[in-house]
Amino acid sequence: MLGEKELIKLFPNFKELVQPSGIDLPLDKVYVQKGVGSLIDNEKKLPEIEELEGPIFTLKPHTAYLASIDRKIKIPKGYSMLYLPRSTLLRSFVSVQTAVGDPGFFGTLMFMIYNHGDFEFKIKKGDRIAQGVVFEVEGSGEYNGSYQEEEK
């Protein structure tokens, strides 16, 4: 796991969000599911989604949402990122479910947020919802999947 100095070098666009053992990831947009998706024979058909109006979002009880982070990220080759929820969300019965950030990934991070509680939960654009923890990966290739965005 990398510390603050190395994280600032690798992720200069996130300098103000670096913590002792990771990078805070602020909420940008929230989406609800509006259609059917599938993954039959490894062929991805993502469901249609609809963006909710913000900047304050009300998460209904027992409901899943997609959330994007407020800036694109570039994970350097030779590093991987695991995303963990902020503890305040967990203490509020809200989970953030994530996938692994592969070496070489560039793009917008999308996480699932689920309100497990029996009451609504409010969250605002810019609130830190997850923390990215970075690890060195020896002998790795680079991500070349369908969610890769082009760097400009």
N, C-alpha and C. Protein backbone atom coordinates (compact mmCIF):
# COMPACT_ATOMS: atom_id res chain seq x y z
N MET A 1 0.86 -1.17 0.00
CA MET A 1 0.00 0.00 0.00
C MET A 1 0.90 1.23 0.00
N LEU A 2 0.52 2.23 -0.78
CA LEU A 2 1.32 3.43 -0.91
C LEU A 2 0.88 4.52 0.07
N GLY A 3 1.83 5.34 0.49
CA GLY A 3 1.55 6.45 1.40
C GLY A 3 1.39 7.77 0.66
N GLU A 4 1.21 8.83 1.44
CA GLU A 4 0.87 10.15 0.91
C GLU A 4 1.84 10.69 -0.15
N LYS A 5 3.14 10.64 0.13
CA LYS A 5 4.11 11.23 -0.81
C LYS A 5 4.04 10.55 -2.18
N GLU A 6 3.99 9.24 -2.19
CA GLU A 6 3.94 8.51 -3.46
C GLU A 6 2.60 8.73 -4.17
N LEU A 7 1.51 8.80 -3.41
CA LEU A 7 0.19 9.03 -4.00
C LEU A 7 0.12 10.40 -4.69
N ILE A 8 0.70 11.42 -4.08
CA ILE A 8 0.70 12.76 -4.68
C ILE A 8 1.48 12.75 -5.98
N LYS A 9 2.61 12.03 -6.02
CA LYS A 9 3.41 11.94 -7.25
C LYS A 9 2.63 11.24 -8.36
N LEU A 10 1.94 10.15 -8.02
CA LEU A 10 1.23 9.35 -9.02
C LEU A 10 -0.10 9.97 -9.45
N PHE A 11 -0.75 10.71 -8.56
CA PHE A 11 -2.09 11.25 -8.81
C PHE A 11 -2.13 12.75 -8.48
N PRO A 12 -1.38 13.58 -9.23
CA PRO A 12 -1.32 15.01 -8.90
C PRO A 12 -2.67 15.72 -8.99
N ASN A 13 -3.60 15.23 -9.80
CA ASN A 13 -4.93 15.86 -9.91
C ASN A 13 -5.79 15.60 -8.68
N PHE A 14 -5.32 14.75 -7.79
CA PHE A 14 -6.08 14.42 -6.58
C PHE A 14 -5.33 14.88 -5.32
N LYS A 15 -4.33 15.74 -5.49
CA LYS A 15 -3.44 16.13 -4.39
C LYS A 15 -4.20 16.54 -3.12
N GLU A 16 -5.23 17.36 -3.27
CA GLU A 16 -5.96 17.86 -2.10
C GLU A 16 -6.84 16.79 -1.45
N LEU A 17 -6.95 15.63 -2.09
CA LEU A 17 -7.79 14.55 -1.57
C LEU A 17 -6.99 13.38 -1.00
N VAL A 18 -5.65 13.50 -1.02
CA VAL A 18 -4.79 12.42 -0.53
C VAL A 18 -4.86 12.35 0.99
N GLN A 19 -5.05 11.15 1.49
CA GLN A 19 -5.08 10.86 2.91
C GLN A 19 -3.87 9.97 3.23
N PRO A 20 -3.61 9.66 4.51
CA PRO A 20 -2.43 8.86 4.84
C PRO A 20 -2.33 7.52 4.11
N SER A 21 -3.45 6.89 3.79
CA SER A 21 -3.36 5.58 3.13
C SER A 21 -4.22 5.47 1.88
N GLY A 22 -4.66 6.58 1.32
CA GLY A 22 -5.48 6.49 0.11
C GLY A 22 -5.90 7.86 -0.40
N ILE A 23 -6.78 7.82 -1.38
CA ILE A 23 -7.27 9.05 -2.02
C ILE A 23 -8.79 9.11 -1.84
N ASP A 24 -9.27 10.19 -1.24
CA ASP A 24 -10.72 10.38 -1.11
C ASP A 24 -11.33 10.63 -2.49
N LEU A 25 -12.51 10.07 -2.72
CA LEU A 25 -13.18 10.17 -4.01
C LEU A 25 -14.54 10.83 -3.82
N PRO A 26 -14.70 12.08 -4.32
CA PRO A 26 -15.93 12.84 -4.13
C PRO A 26 -17.03 12.48 -5.15
N LEU A 27 -18.24 12.51 -4.68
CA LEU A 27 -19.42 12.24 -5.49
C LEU A 27 -19.63 13.33 -6.53
N ASP A 28 -20.02 12.93 -7.73
CA ASP A 28 -20.38 13.89 -8.77
C ASP A 28 -21.86 13.74 -9.10
N LYS A 29 -22.22 12.62 -9.74
CA LYS A 29 -23.60 12.40 -10.19
C LYS A 29 -24.15 11.11 -9.62
N VAL A 30 -25.48 11.04 -9.54
CA VAL A 30 -26.17 9.85 -9.06
C VAL A 30 -27.20 9.46 -10.11
N TYR A 31 -27.33 8.15 -10.34
CA TYR A 31 -28.21 7.62 -11.38
C TYR A 31 -29.10 6.52 -10.81
N VAL A 32 -30.29 6.37 -11.42
CA VAL A 32 -31.17 5.24 -11.10
C VAL A 32 -31.31 4.38 -12.35
N GLN A 33 -31.61 3.12 -12.11
CA GLN A 33 -31.78 2.17 -13.21
C GLN A 33 -33.13 2.38 -13.87
N LYS A 34 -33.14 2.38 -15.22
CA LYS A 34 -34.37 2.59 -15.97
C LYS A 34 -34.63 1.50 -17.00
N GLY A 35 -33.82 0.46 -17.02
CA GLY A 35 -34.01 -0.59 -18.01
C GLY A 35 -33.31 -1.86 -17.60
N VAL A 36 -33.49 -2.88 -18.41
CA VAL A 36 -32.95 -4.21 -18.14
C VAL A 36 -31.53 -4.31 -18.68
N GLY A 37 -30.67 -5.01 -17.97
CA GLY A 37 -29.32 -5.31 -18.43
C GLY A 37 -29.11 -6.81 -18.44
N SER A 38 -28.00 -7.24 -19.02
CA SER A 38 -27.69 -8.67 -19.01
C SER A 38 -26.19 -8.89 -19.23
N LEU A 39 -25.76 -10.09 -18.89
CA LEU A 39 -24.38 -10.51 -19.10
C LEU A 39 -24.39 -11.98 -19.50
N ILE A 40 -25.09 -12.30 -20.56
CA ILE A 40 -25.21 -13.68 -21.04
C ILE A 40 -24.04 -13.94 -21.98
N ASP A 41 -23.36 -15.07 -21.77
CA ASP A 41 -22.20 -15.45 -22.57
C ASP A 41 -21.15 -14.34 -22.59
N ASN A 42 -21.02 -13.63 -21.46
CA ASN A 42 -20.04 -12.57 -21.29
C ASN A 42 -20.24 -11.39 -22.24
N GLU A 43 -21.44 -11.26 -22.78
CA GLU A 43 -21.78 -10.12 -23.63
C GLU A 43 -22.52 -9.09 -22.78
N LYS A 44 -21.87 -7.94 -22.57
CA LYS A 44 -22.41 -6.91 -21.68
C LYS A 44 -23.51 -6.10 -22.36
N LYS A 45 -24.64 -6.03 -21.68
CA LYS A 45 -25.71 -5.11 -22.07
C LYS A 45 -26.07 -4.35 -20.80
N LEU A 46 -25.51 -3.16 -20.66
CA LEU A 46 -25.76 -2.37 -19.46
C LEU A 46 -27.18 -1.82 -19.47
N PRO A 47 -27.81 -1.73 -18.30
CA PRO A 47 -29.16 -1.17 -18.25
C PRO A 47 -29.12 0.33 -18.54
N GLU A 48 -30.23 0.84 -19.04
CA GLU A 48 -30.36 2.29 -19.19
C GLU A 48 -30.41 2.90 -17.79
N ILE A 49 -29.83 4.09 -17.68
CA ILE A 49 -29.84 4.80 -16.40
C ILE A 49 -30.33 6.23 -16.63
N GLU A 50 -30.82 6.82 -15.56
CA GLU A 50 -31.30 8.20 -15.60
C GLU A 50 -30.61 8.99 -14.49
N GLU A 51 -30.05 10.14 -14.85
CA GLU A 51 -29.37 10.98 -13.86
C GLU A 51 -30.39 11.68 -12.98
N LEU A 52 -30.15 11.67 -11.68
CA LEU A 52 -31.00 12.39 -10.73
C LEU A 52 -30.54 13.84 -10.64
N GLU A 53 -31.47 14.73 -10.35
CA GLU A 53 -31.13 16.15 -10.16
C GLU A 53 -30.47 16.32 -8.80
N GLY A 54 -29.44 17.15 -8.76
CA GLY A 54 -28.72 17.42 -7.53
C GLY A 54 -28.73 18.91 -7.26
N PRO A 55 -27.92 19.44 -6.43
CA PRO A 55 -26.72 18.79 -5.90
C PRO A 55 -26.95 17.94 -4.66
N ILE A 56 -28.15 17.95 -4.10
CA ILE A 56 -28.44 17.07 -2.95
C ILE A 56 -29.29 15.92 -3.47
N PHE A 57 -28.88 14.70 -3.10
CA PHE A 57 -29.55 13.50 -3.56
C PHE A 57 -30.16 12.78 -2.35
N THR A 58 -31.40 12.35 -2.47
CA THR A 58 -32.07 11.59 -1.42
C THR A 58 -32.09 10.14 -1.83
N LEU A 59 -31.38 9.29 -1.07
CA LEU A 59 -31.34 7.86 -1.34
C LEU A 59 -32.47 7.17 -0.59
N LYS A 60 -33.37 6.56 -1.33
CA LYS A 60 -34.51 5.88 -0.72
C LYS A 60 -34.07 4.59 -0.04
N PRO A 61 -34.79 4.15 0.99
CA PRO A 61 -34.44 2.91 1.67
C PRO A 61 -34.47 1.71 0.72
N HIS A 62 -33.56 0.77 0.93
CA HIS A 62 -33.51 -0.50 0.21
C HIS A 62 -33.48 -0.30 -1.31
N THR A 63 -32.69 0.66 -1.75
CA THR A 63 -32.62 1.01 -3.17
C THR A 63 -31.17 1.17 -3.60
N ALA A 64 -30.87 0.71 -4.82
CA ALA A 64 -29.53 0.82 -5.38
C ALA A 64 -29.45 1.99 -6.35
N TYR A 65 -28.29 2.63 -6.39
CA TYR A 65 -28.00 3.75 -7.28
C TYR A 65 -26.61 3.56 -7.85
N LEU A 66 -26.35 4.16 -8.99
CA LEU A 66 -24.99 4.29 -9.51
C LEU A 66 -24.52 5.69 -9.18
N ALA A 67 -23.24 5.82 -8.90
CA ALA A 67 -22.66 7.13 -8.59
C ALA A 67 -21.35 7.28 -9.35
N SER A 68 -21.12 8.48 -9.88
CA SER A 68 -19.84 8.75 -10.53
C SER A 68 -19.03 9.69 -9.64
N ILE A 69 -17.72 9.63 -9.84
CA ILE A 69 -16.79 10.46 -9.10
C ILE A 69 -16.53 11.74 -9.89
N ASP A 70 -16.13 12.80 -9.22
CA ASP A 70 -16.10 14.14 -9.83
C ASP A 70 -14.96 14.42 -10.80
N ARG A 71 -14.09 13.47 -11.07
CA ARG A 71 -13.03 13.67 -12.07
C ARG A 71 -12.54 12.32 -12.57
N LYS A 72 -11.96 12.33 -13.74
CA LYS A 72 -11.42 11.11 -14.32
C LYS A 72 -10.14 10.74 -13.59
N ILE A 73 -9.82 9.45 -13.61
CA ILE A 73 -8.61 8.98 -12.96
C ILE A 73 -7.78 8.18 -13.95
N LYS A 74 -6.48 8.27 -13.82
CA LYS A 74 -5.54 7.48 -14.59
C LYS A 74 -4.72 6.67 -13.60
N ILE A 75 -4.87 5.36 -13.67
CA ILE A 75 -4.08 4.48 -12.81
C ILE A 75 -2.83 4.10 -13.59
N PRO A 76 -1.66 4.46 -13.09
CA PRO A 76 -0.43 4.18 -13.83
C PRO A 76 -0.19 2.67 -13.98
N LYS A 77 0.49 2.30 -15.05
CA LYS A 77 0.91 0.91 -15.24
C LYS A 77 1.78 0.52 -14.04
N GLY A 78 1.58 -0.68 -13.56
CA GLY A 78 2.34 -1.15 -12.40
C GLY A 78 1.64 -0.91 -11.07
N TYR A 79 0.42 -0.32 -11.13
CA TYR A 79 -0.33 -0.05 -9.91
C TYR A 79 -1.78 -0.49 -10.09
N SER A 80 -2.40 -0.86 -8.98
CA SER A 80 -3.81 -1.22 -8.98
C SER A 80 -4.47 -0.45 -7.84
N MET A 81 -5.77 -0.24 -7.95
CA MET A 81 -6.48 0.53 -6.93
C MET A 81 -7.69 -0.26 -6.45
N LEU A 82 -7.82 -0.36 -5.14
CA LEU A 82 -9.03 -0.93 -4.52
C LEU A 82 -9.81 0.23 -3.92
N TYR A 83 -11.12 0.17 -4.03
CA TYR A 83 -11.98 1.26 -3.56
C TYR A 83 -12.77 0.77 -2.36
N LEU A 84 -12.73 1.55 -1.29
CA LEU A 84 -13.42 1.18 -0.06
C LEU A 84 -14.36 2.31 0.34
N PRO A 85 -15.52 1.98 0.94
CA PRO A 85 -16.47 3.04 1.34
C PRO A 85 -15.94 3.85 2.51
N ARG A 86 -16.37 5.10 2.58
CA ARG A 86 -16.06 5.94 3.74
C ARG A 86 -16.87 5.41 4.93
N SER A 87 -16.27 5.46 6.11
CA SER A 87 -16.91 4.86 7.28
C SER A 87 -18.20 5.57 7.69
N THR A 88 -18.33 6.85 7.41
CA THR A 88 -19.57 7.56 7.76
C THR A 88 -20.76 6.97 7.02
N LEU A 89 -20.55 6.58 5.76
CA LEU A 89 -21.65 5.96 5.01
C LEU A 89 -22.03 4.62 5.65
N LEU A 90 -21.03 3.80 5.97
CA LEU A 90 -21.33 2.50 6.57
C LEU A 90 -22.07 2.66 7.89
N ARG A 91 -21.70 3.65 8.67
CA ARG A 91 -22.37 3.90 9.95
C ARG A 91 -23.78 4.43 9.77
N SER A 92 -24.09 4.82 8.51
CA SER A 92 -25.43 5.32 8.18
C SER A 92 -26.23 4.30 7.39
N PHE A 93 -25.77 3.04 7.37
CA PHE A 93 -26.44 1.93 6.68
C PHE A 93 -26.40 2.05 5.17
N VAL A 94 -25.41 2.77 4.65
CA VAL A 94 -25.25 2.96 3.21
C VAL A 94 -23.92 2.34 2.79
N SER A 95 -23.97 1.46 1.79
CA SER A 95 -22.73 0.84 1.32
C SER A 95 -22.35 1.39 -0.05
N VAL A 96 -21.07 1.32 -0.34
CA VAL A 96 -20.54 1.66 -1.65
C VAL A 96 -19.89 0.39 -2.17
N GLN A 97 -20.39 -0.12 -3.28
CA GLN A 97 -19.87 -1.37 -3.83
C GLN A 97 -19.08 -1.05 -5.09
N THR A 98 -17.91 -1.67 -5.19
CA THR A 98 -16.95 -1.26 -6.21
C THR A 98 -16.31 -2.47 -6.88
N ALA A 99 -15.48 -2.17 -7.86
CA ALA A 99 -14.67 -3.18 -8.53
C ALA A 99 -13.21 -2.77 -8.38
N VAL A 100 -12.30 -3.55 -8.92
CA VAL A 100 -10.87 -3.26 -8.85
C VAL A 100 -10.49 -2.29 -9.96
N GLY A 101 -9.63 -1.34 -9.66
CA GLY A 101 -9.07 -0.44 -10.66
C GLY A 101 -7.79 -1.06 -11.21
N ASP A 102 -7.81 -1.44 -12.47
CA ASP A 102 -6.68 -2.13 -13.08
C ASP A 102 -5.58 -1.17 -13.52
N PRO A 103 -4.34 -1.67 -13.62
CA PRO A 103 -3.24 -0.86 -14.12
C PRO A 103 -3.57 -0.31 -15.52
N GLY A 104 -3.31 0.98 -15.73
CA GLY A 104 -3.54 1.60 -17.03
C GLY A 104 -4.95 2.08 -17.27
N PHE A 105 -5.88 1.84 -16.34
CA PHE A 105 -7.25 2.31 -16.54
C PHE A 105 -7.27 3.84 -16.56
N PHE A 106 -8.01 4.41 -17.49
CA PHE A 106 -8.27 5.84 -17.52
C PHE A 106 -9.76 6.03 -17.76
N GLY A 107 -10.40 6.81 -16.90
CA GLY A 107 -11.80 7.09 -17.13
C GLY A 107 -12.52 7.54 -15.88
N THR A 108 -13.84 7.50 -15.98
CA THR A 108 -14.72 7.92 -14.90
C THR A 108 -15.06 6.72 -14.04
N LEU A 109 -14.85 6.84 -12.76
CA LEU A 109 -15.20 5.75 -11.84
C LEU A 109 -16.70 5.76 -11.57
N MET A 110 -17.29 4.58 -11.62
CA MET A 110 -18.71 4.41 -11.31
C MET A 110 -18.82 3.37 -10.20
N PHE A 111 -19.53 3.72 -9.15
CA PHE A 111 -19.74 2.82 -8.02
C PHE A 111 -21.23 2.64 -7.79
N MET A 112 -21.60 1.53 -7.16
CA MET A 112 -22.98 1.35 -6.76
C MET A 112 -23.11 1.78 -5.29
N ILE A 113 -24.13 2.56 -5.02
CA ILE A 113 -24.45 2.95 -3.64
C ILE A 113 -25.78 2.29 -3.30
N TYR A 114 -25.85 1.69 -2.13
CA TYR A 114 -27.09 1.03 -1.71
C TYR A 114 -27.45 1.49 -0.30
N ASN A 115 -28.68 1.96 -0.14
CA ASN A 115 -29.18 2.36 1.17
C ASN A 115 -29.85 1.13 1.80
N HIS A 116 -29.15 0.50 2.74
CA HIS A 116 -29.67 -0.69 3.42
C HIS A 116 -30.65 -0.33 4.53
N GLY A 117 -30.72 0.92 4.90
CA GLY A 117 -31.54 1.33 6.03
C GLY A 117 -33.02 1.41 5.71
N ASP A 118 -33.79 1.69 6.75
CA ASP A 118 -35.24 1.82 6.62
C ASP A 118 -35.67 3.27 6.43
N PHE A 119 -34.70 4.18 6.35
CA PHE A 119 -35.00 5.60 6.23
C PHE A 119 -34.19 6.19 5.08
N GLU A 120 -34.66 7.32 4.56
CA GLU A 120 -33.93 8.01 3.50
C GLU A 120 -32.58 8.49 4.03
N PHE A 121 -31.64 8.65 3.11
CA PHE A 121 -30.32 9.18 3.44
C PHE A 121 -29.98 10.25 2.41
N LYS A 122 -29.53 11.40 2.87
CA LYS A 122 -29.19 12.50 1.96
C LYS A 122 -27.68 12.59 1.79
N ILE A 123 -27.29 12.86 0.55
CA ILE A 123 -25.88 13.01 0.21
C ILE A 123 -25.77 14.12 -0.82
N LYS A 124 -24.65 14.81 -0.81
CA LYS A 124 -24.49 16.00 -1.66
C LYS A 124 -23.31 15.83 -2.61
N LYS A 125 -23.45 16.42 -3.78
CA LYS A 125 -22.34 16.46 -4.73
C LYS A 125 -21.11 17.01 -4.01
N GLY A 126 -19.96 16.35 -4.19
CA GLY A 126 -18.73 16.76 -3.53
C GLY A 126 -18.44 16.00 -2.25
N ASP A 127 -19.46 15.33 -1.67
CA ASP A 127 -19.21 14.51 -0.47
C ASP A 127 -18.30 13.35 -0.84
N ARG A 128 -17.38 13.05 0.05
CA ARG A 128 -16.44 11.94 -0.17
C ARG A 128 -17.15 10.63 0.14
N ILE A 129 -17.28 9.77 -0.87
CA ILE A 129 -18.04 8.53 -0.67
C ILE A 129 -17.16 7.29 -0.61
N ALA A 130 -15.94 7.38 -1.11
CA ALA A 130 -15.05 6.21 -1.12
C ALA A 130 -13.61 6.69 -1.01
N GLN A 131 -12.74 5.73 -0.75
CA GLN A 131 -11.31 6.02 -0.72
C GLN A 131 -10.61 4.98 -1.58
N GLY A 132 -9.76 5.44 -2.49
CA GLY A 132 -8.97 4.56 -3.32
C GLY A 132 -7.65 4.24 -2.65
N VAL A 133 -7.36 2.95 -2.49
CA VAL A 133 -6.11 2.49 -1.89
C VAL A 133 -5.29 1.88 -3.00
N VAL A 134 -4.03 2.31 -3.12
CA VAL A 134 -3.19 1.94 -4.27
C VAL A 134 -2.12 0.93 -3.85
N PHE A 135 -1.93 -0.07 -4.71
CA PHE A 135 -0.93 -1.11 -4.48
C PHE A 135 -0.06 -1.25 -5.72
N GLU A 136 1.21 -1.56 -5.52
CA GLU A 136 2.07 -1.88 -6.65
C GLU A 136 1.72 -3.28 -7.15
N VAL A 137 1.79 -3.45 -8.47
CA VAL A 137 1.50 -4.74 -9.10
C VAL A 137 2.69 -5.08 -9.98
N GLU A 138 3.39 -6.14 -9.65
CA GLU A 138 4.57 -6.53 -10.43
C GLU A 138 4.16 -7.36 -11.63
N GLY A 139 4.83 -7.10 -12.76
CA GLY A 139 4.61 -7.92 -13.95
C GLY A 139 3.24 -7.77 -14.57
N SER A 140 2.59 -6.63 -14.34
CA SER A 140 1.22 -6.47 -14.84
C SER A 140 1.21 -5.92 -16.26
N GLY A 141 0.13 -6.21 -16.94
CA GLY A 141 -0.14 -5.57 -18.22
C GLY A 141 -0.91 -4.29 -17.95
N GLU A 142 -1.67 -3.86 -18.95
CA GLU A 142 -2.50 -2.68 -18.78
C GLU A 142 -3.93 -3.00 -19.14
N TYR A 143 -4.86 -2.32 -18.49
CA TYR A 143 -6.29 -2.46 -18.76
C TYR A 143 -6.59 -2.07 -20.20
N ASN A 144 -7.35 -2.91 -20.87
CA ASN A 144 -7.75 -2.62 -22.24
C ASN A 144 -9.19 -3.06 -22.44
N GLY A 145 -10.04 -2.74 -21.46
CA GLY A 145 -11.41 -3.20 -21.50
C GLY A 145 -12.37 -2.18 -22.08
N SER A 146 -13.63 -2.53 -22.03
CA SER A 146 -14.66 -1.73 -22.67
C SER A 146 -14.96 -0.41 -21.96
N TYR A 147 -14.47 -0.23 -20.73
CA TYR A 147 -14.75 1.01 -20.00
C TYR A 147 -13.59 2.00 -20.09
N GLN A 148 -12.56 1.67 -20.86
CA GLN A 148 -11.42 2.56 -21.04
C GLN A 148 -11.85 3.78 -21.86
N GLU A 149 -11.54 4.97 -21.37
CA GLU A 149 -11.83 6.20 -22.08
C GLU A 149 -10.55 6.71 -22.73
N GLU A 150 -10.67 7.53 -23.74
CA GLU A 150 -9.50 8.10 -24.42
C GLU A 150 -9.00 9.31 -23.64
N GLU A 151 -7.69 9.36 -23.42
CA GLU A 151 -7.10 10.54 -22.79
C GLU A 151 -7.00 11.66 -23.82
N LYS A 152 -7.25 12.88 -23.37
CA LYS A 152 -7.19 14.02 -24.28
C LYS A 152 -5.97 14.87 -23.99
